Structures are given as structure tokens and as C-alpha cells.
Amino acid sequence: MDRNLPLAVLCGLLVGLSIYWFLSPDWFIAMGIAAVYAGAGYFYLAFDIPLLGSAIQFDDRIDRFGYAIGLFGLSVSPIAFAQYYGQQGATTLPFVILFIGVIAFLLFTSKARQQSEHIH
């Protein structure tokens, strides 16, 4: 039996329960974050994707600069949105955790798709 999906669901539940218990008592937020992390966890476990490896590399200096600007925007924008829309910063950390999970999910699914295309 493939253990990747149950392990990914367990990972998502652990993240979701941690969010619910420690950061946000809203079950809807915790459930959404749990689903994102379960999806990202599945693709991380099912495919050989390095967690801290650099998946995207550019040779041109201008491309690397543009990539750096985009990464800076990705790292700063969740905090800015959470502070702007949050209630006195109460939703800042769950929002940042969700945003990081969304990025991980999209990155892992992209790499998994590339790997599955090379297999077939």
C-alpha cells in the first residue's frame, strides 16, 4: 500500500491542529491550511523533490535579478496583506504560514509534473 497519501494527510492534520490550538481558533482557517500542507506533503513524499534544494536557476544576470525581486515580494507581501486586512495582527502568522504552504504546494506540484513527464 502506498503510504505517501496517509503520511501527507497526517502532516496536514498536524499543521492544521497546531494552527487551531496555538494561533487561530477558527476551524475554517485551520482546515484550509491543513489541506494545503497535506497536498504539498503528498507531492514532497511521492516524488523525489529536495526540500531545500534550488529548483529554479537562471543563467542570465538580469533574470537572476528579476527572480530575486520576485522572491523578495513573495517574502514580504503576506506580512503586508495580513497586517492590512488582519485585526490588530491577530491573523498575521496563520496567513504567513498559509502563504508559505501555497508556495510549497505550487512548487512541489510543478516539480512533480516535470518528473512525471520525464518518466513517461
C-alpha atoms as a PDB file:
ATOM      1  CA  MET A   1       0.000   0.000   0.000  1.00  0.00           C
ATOM      2  CA  ASP A   2       1.222   3.467  -0.831  1.00  0.00           C
ATOM      3  CA  ARG A   3       1.984   5.296   2.417  1.00  0.00           C
ATOM      4  CA  ASN A   4       2.561   8.710   0.891  1.00  0.00           C
ATOM      5  CA  LEU A   5      -1.051   9.897   0.995  1.00  0.00           C
ATOM      6  CA  PRO A   6      -1.759   8.871   4.626  1.00  0.00           C
ATOM      7  CA  LEU A   7       1.534  10.441   5.742  1.00  0.00           C
ATOM      8  CA  ALA A   8       0.725  13.627   3.850  1.00  0.00           C
ATOM      9  CA  VAL A   9      -2.746  13.791   5.413  1.00  0.00           C
ATOM     10  CA  LEU A  10      -1.180  13.266   8.844  1.00  0.00           C
ATOM     11  CA  CYS A  11       1.283  16.089   8.144  1.00  0.00           C
ATOM     12  CA  GLY A  12      -1.553  18.385   7.075  1.00  0.00           C
ATOM     13  CA  LEU A  13      -3.613  17.492  10.138  1.00  0.00           C
ATOM     14  CA  LEU A  14      -0.690  18.188  12.446  1.00  0.00           C
ATOM     15  CA  VAL A  15      -0.124  21.599  10.894  1.00  0.00           C
ATOM     16  CA  GLY A  16      -3.856  22.362  10.943  1.00  0.00           C
ATOM     17  CA  LEU A  17      -4.295  21.299  14.553  1.00  0.00           C
ATOM     18  CA  SER A  18      -1.249  23.321  15.566  1.00  0.00           C
ATOM     19  CA  ILE A  19      -2.721  26.379  13.866  1.00  0.00           C
ATOM     20  CA  TYR A  20      -6.074  25.780  15.567  1.00  0.00           C
ATOM     21  CA  TRP A  21      -4.637  25.241  19.053  1.00  0.00           C
ATOM     22  CA  PHE A  22      -1.902  27.861  19.098  1.00  0.00           C
ATOM     23  CA  LEU A  23      -2.633  30.587  16.562  1.00  0.00           C
ATOM     24  CA  SER A  24      -6.216  30.806  15.339  1.00  0.00           C
ATOM     25  CA  PRO A  25      -9.301  29.235  16.952  1.00  0.00           C
ATOM     26  CA  ASP A  26     -11.129  29.403  13.616  1.00  0.00           C
ATOM     27  CA  TRP A  27     -11.606  25.852  12.288  1.00  0.00           C
ATOM     28  CA  PHE A  28     -12.124  27.073   8.716  1.00  0.00           C
ATOM     29  CA  ILE A  29      -8.686  28.712   8.594  1.00  0.00           C
ATOM     30  CA  ALA A  30      -7.063  25.674  10.219  1.00  0.00           C
ATOM     31  CA  MET A  31      -8.794  23.301   7.804  1.00  0.00           C
ATOM     32  CA  GLY A  32      -7.684  25.299   4.755  1.00  0.00           C
ATOM     33  CA  ILE A  33      -4.089  25.390   5.955  1.00  0.00           C
ATOM     34  CA  ALA A  34      -4.209  21.664   6.741  1.00  0.00           C
ATOM     35  CA  ALA A  35      -5.426  20.892   3.219  1.00  0.00           C
ATOM     36  CA  VAL A  36      -2.675  22.971   1.616  1.00  0.00           C
ATOM     37  CA  TYR A  37       0.033  21.296   3.694  1.00  0.00           C
ATOM     38  CA  ALA A  38      -1.423  17.837   3.074  1.00  0.00           C
ATOM     39  CA  GLY A  39      -1.276  18.483  -0.671  1.00  0.00           C
ATOM     40  CA  ALA A  40       2.262  19.850  -0.511  1.00  0.00           C
ATOM     41  CA  GLY A  41       3.300  16.971   1.743  1.00  0.00           C
ATOM     42  CA  TYR A  42       1.942  14.414  -0.683  1.00  0.00           C
ATOM     43  CA  PHE A  43       3.957  15.695  -3.613  1.00  0.00           C
ATOM     44  CA  TYR A  44       7.037  16.064  -1.439  1.00  0.00           C
ATOM     45  CA  LEU A  45       6.756  12.445  -0.271  1.00  0.00           C
ATOM     46  CA  ALA A  46       5.555  10.852  -3.514  1.00  0.00           C
ATOM     47  CA  PHE A  47       8.250  12.388  -5.728  1.00  0.00           C
ATOM     48  CA  ASP A  48      11.931  12.820  -5.083  1.00  0.00           C
ATOM     49  CA  ILE A  49      11.842  16.579  -4.521  1.00  0.00           C
ATOM     50  CA  PRO A  50      14.599  18.213  -2.454  1.00  0.00           C
ATOM     51  CA  LEU A  51      13.123  20.380   0.290  1.00  0.00           C
ATOM     52  CA  LEU A  52      15.932  22.914   0.491  1.00  0.00           C
ATOM     53  CA  GLY A  53      17.399  22.403  -2.958  1.00  0.00           C
ATOM     54  CA  SER A  54      17.272  25.154  -5.515  1.00  0.00           C
ATOM     55  CA  ALA A  55      14.700  24.111  -8.078  1.00  0.00           C
ATOM     56  CA  ILE A  56      14.863  27.217 -10.243  1.00  0.00           C
ATOM     57  CA  GLN A  57      18.120  28.554 -11.636  1.00  0.00           C
ATOM     58  CA  PHE A  58      18.787  31.265 -14.176  1.00  0.00           C
ATOM     59  CA  ASP A  59      21.989  31.814 -16.132  1.00  0.00           C
ATOM     60  CA  ASP A  60      21.405  35.397 -17.224  1.00  0.00           C
ATOM     61  CA  ARG A  61      22.262  38.071 -14.649  1.00  0.00           C
ATOM     62  CA  ILE A  62      19.133  40.111 -15.416  1.00  0.00           C
ATOM     63  CA  ASP A  63      16.954  37.016 -14.961  1.00  0.00           C
ATOM     64  CA  ARG A  64      18.550  36.308 -11.575  1.00  0.00           C
ATOM     65  CA  PHE A  65      17.922  39.906 -10.536  1.00  0.00           C
ATOM     66  CA  GLY A  66      14.273  39.673 -11.590  1.00  0.00           C
ATOM     67  CA  TYR A  67      13.952  36.389  -9.703  1.00  0.00           C
ATOM     68  CA  ALA A  68      15.445  37.999  -6.578  1.00  0.00           C
ATOM     69  CA  ILE A  69      12.953  40.873  -6.793  1.00  0.00           C
ATOM     70  CA  GLY A  70      10.080  38.401  -7.128  1.00  0.00           C
ATOM     71  CA  LEU A  71      11.282  36.350  -4.153  1.00  0.00           C
ATOM     72  CA  PHE A  72      11.543  39.494  -2.071  1.00  0.00           C
ATOM     73  CA  GLY A  73       7.960  40.349  -2.998  1.00  0.00           C
ATOM     74  CA  LEU A  74       6.824  36.843  -2.084  1.00  0.00           C
ATOM     75  CA  SER A  75       8.521  37.044   1.297  1.00  0.00           C
ATOM     76  CA  VAL A  76       7.182  40.489   2.226  1.00  0.00           C
ATOM     77  CA  SER A  77       3.674  40.502   0.730  1.00  0.00           C
ATOM     78  CA  PRO A  78       1.989  38.027   3.119  1.00  0.00           C
ATOM     79  CA  ILE A  79       3.036  40.102   6.107  1.00  0.00           C
ATOM     80  CA  ALA A  80       1.837  43.289   4.432  1.00  0.00           C
ATOM     81  CA  PHE A  81      -1.549  41.775   3.500  1.00  0.00           C
ATOM     82  CA  ALA A  82      -2.040  40.223   6.920  1.00  0.00           C
ATOM     83  CA  GLN A  83      -1.310  43.467   8.725  1.00  0.00           C
ATOM     84  CA  TYR A  84      -3.548  45.431   6.391  1.00  0.00           C
ATOM     85  CA  TYR A  85      -6.519  43.046   6.495  1.00  0.00           C
ATOM     86  CA  GLY A  86      -5.912  41.418   9.895  1.00  0.00           C
ATOM     87  CA  GLN A  87      -7.387  42.512  13.180  1.00  0.00           C
ATOM     88  CA  GLN A  88      -4.518  44.063  15.125  1.00  0.00           C
ATOM     89  CA  GLY A  89      -2.142  41.448  13.679  1.00  0.00           C
ATOM     90  CA  ALA A  90      -4.164  38.500  15.062  1.00  0.00           C
ATOM     91  CA  THR A  91      -4.215  36.735  11.704  1.00  0.00           C
ATOM     92  CA  THR A  92      -0.696  37.619  10.598  1.00  0.00           C
ATOM     93  CA  LEU A  93       1.133  34.393  11.455  1.00  0.00           C
ATOM     94  CA  PRO A  94      -1.565  31.964  10.192  1.00  0.00           C
ATOM     95  CA  PHE A  95      -1.733  33.937   6.946  1.00  0.00           C
ATOM     96  CA  VAL A  96       2.051  33.822   6.511  1.00  0.00           C
ATOM     97  CA  ILE A  97       2.038  30.057   7.200  1.00  0.00           C
ATOM     98  CA  LEU A  98      -0.746  29.580   4.645  1.00  0.00           C
ATOM     99  CA  PHE A  99       1.126  31.640   2.063  1.00  0.00           C
ATOM    100  CA  ILE A 100       4.305  29.594   2.559  1.00  0.00           C
ATOM    101  CA  GLY A 101       2.260  26.399   2.174  1.00  0.00           C
ATOM    102  CA  VAL A 102       0.704  27.656  -1.054  1.00  0.00           C
ATOM    103  CA  ILE A 103       4.136  28.432  -2.486  1.00  0.00           C
ATOM    104  CA  ALA A 104       5.425  24.996  -1.426  1.00  0.00           C
ATOM    105  CA  PHE A 105       2.379  23.282  -2.927  1.00  0.00           C
ATOM    106  CA  LEU A 106       2.756  25.055  -6.269  1.00  0.00           C
ATOM    107  CA  LEU A 107       6.499  24.449  -6.391  1.00  0.00           C
ATOM    108  CA  PHE A 108       6.200  20.758  -5.469  1.00  0.00           C
ATOM    109  CA  THR A 109       3.403  20.108  -7.954  1.00  0.00           C
ATOM    110  CA  SER A 110       5.408  21.799 -10.694  1.00  0.00           C
ATOM    111  CA  LYS A 111       8.484  19.680  -9.959  1.00  0.00           C
ATOM    112  CA  ALA A 112       6.364  16.519  -9.672  1.00  0.00           C
ATOM    113  CA  ARG A 113       4.799  17.249 -13.062  1.00  0.00           C
ATOM    114  CA  GLN A 114       8.250  17.701 -14.612  1.00  0.00           C
ATOM    115  CA  GLN A 115       9.439  14.423 -13.102  1.00  0.00           C
ATOM    116  CA  SER A 116       6.350  12.516 -14.243  1.00  0.00           C
ATOM    117  CA  GLU A 117       6.769  13.833 -17.801  1.00  0.00           C
ATOM    118  CA  HIS A 118      10.345  12.519 -17.876  1.00  0.00           C
ATOM    119  CA  ILE A 119       9.217   9.081 -16.685  1.00  0.00           C
ATOM    120  CA  HIS A 120       6.578   8.585 -19.414  1.00  0.00           C
END
